[in-house]
Amino acid sequence: MDRILNVGLIGFGMAGQAFHAPIITAVPGLRLKTVVERKSSKSKEDYPWVEVVHDIEDVFKDNSIDLIVVATPNETHFDYVKQALEQGKHVVVEKPFTVTSQEAAALIQLARSKKRILSVYQNRRWDGDFLTVQQVIEQGMLGRLTEYEAHFDKYLETLRPNTWKEKSLPGSGIVYDLGSHLLDQAQMLFGIPLSVTADIRSLREGTEIEDYFEIQLGYQNSLKVTLKASMLVREPGPHFLLHGTKGSFLKYGMDPQEAALRSGRRPGEDSSWGAESESLWGKLNTEISGTHFVGKVETKPGDYRGYYRNVYEAIAGESNLQVKPEQAWITIRLIELAYKSRAEGKTIVFDEDAFQLP
């Protein structure tokens, strides 16, 4: 990593503090140079070398900054990414990409015209349990897959105070928040679906946002994909549930990296980063070479550094970008079609033009 890329981080809320700053600073070749904070200088407590600015224009106009990371409320993503690209910066934007697919398409075209890397922070591709699910599917451990179910559940019965995430704003709600992860993972495993059926609800007392969804995606060969998330699940079921013609795979628990980052741990502190307790390894019940097998599958270690390593390598011309903006555009388009399904109360079957960039 001979070349050093200076990074400007816009936003130091939960996403900036837990998911971006500690990962950026753990990847060789990336230097966190500037953080945009509205009022405080909290980032200097953990990263004393950074320059803190309060005017976003300062980071856009800084010619020494190569990469801008946008970790701000969803409704601001389009405007901030657009300004960064217009200033010739490479850009990473927190998911969801944008509020609408039209906005996403416009940013893709702008990035192409400026010949700049544009990516969306779909870090959950580097969750250890998702990597393990990929392995189970790719190695044909279940035979022909017939059903895939993924949950991203929480228990937040009391509305969170003083956060835009609980407000009725463009791009707010659980579908844009957690649905972006589950839809991206499904797209990585199975490609673009043929149909979507969505049940989206507001369950908590006094909530302004949707806090529950069940999205079903239809694929060829009778594969049924179900994606669910709720803020009222006190006793969670499996995170992943897969069935095939030869067997089943069940996986409880969430990847440990988020909890570790929130508690102040940092990647690289020890060799156990991303490793999961054996008690949470997934259960495989299948047939292998004619023999019935029941046992555990060791969870692969997750590592969010893989995302930013790839971004560095893509900017340096050493590797192809893994989280492409076109894929993130498809995710936003699927969200729009899920809301269309909810509004019309029916399954939406796609035509051949549904996923053609305008």
Foldseek 3Di string as FASTA:
>chain_A
DPAAAEEEEEDDDLCNQQPNVLLQVVFPRYDDAEYADQDDDVVCVVVVRHHYDNDPVVVLQPPRHAEYEYDDDQACQLVSLVSNLVSLHAYEYEFLNHLALLSLLVSQVSCVVSVHHYFYQLLCCQALQLVVVLVCVVVCQQPAWQEKEAEDEAADLDDDPPDCLQAPDRQHADCRPVVLNVLLSCCVRPNAFQWKAKDWACDHPPTNHTFWMWMWGHHPPNHIYIYIYGNRDPDDAFRMWIHHPFWIKTFHDTFCSSVCSVVPHHPPPDPCAQADDPVGFMWIFGADPNRTDTDGDGGGRGDSSVQVNQVSCVRVVNDDHDRHSLSSSSSSLVSVSNVVNNVVVHMGGDDPCSSDRD
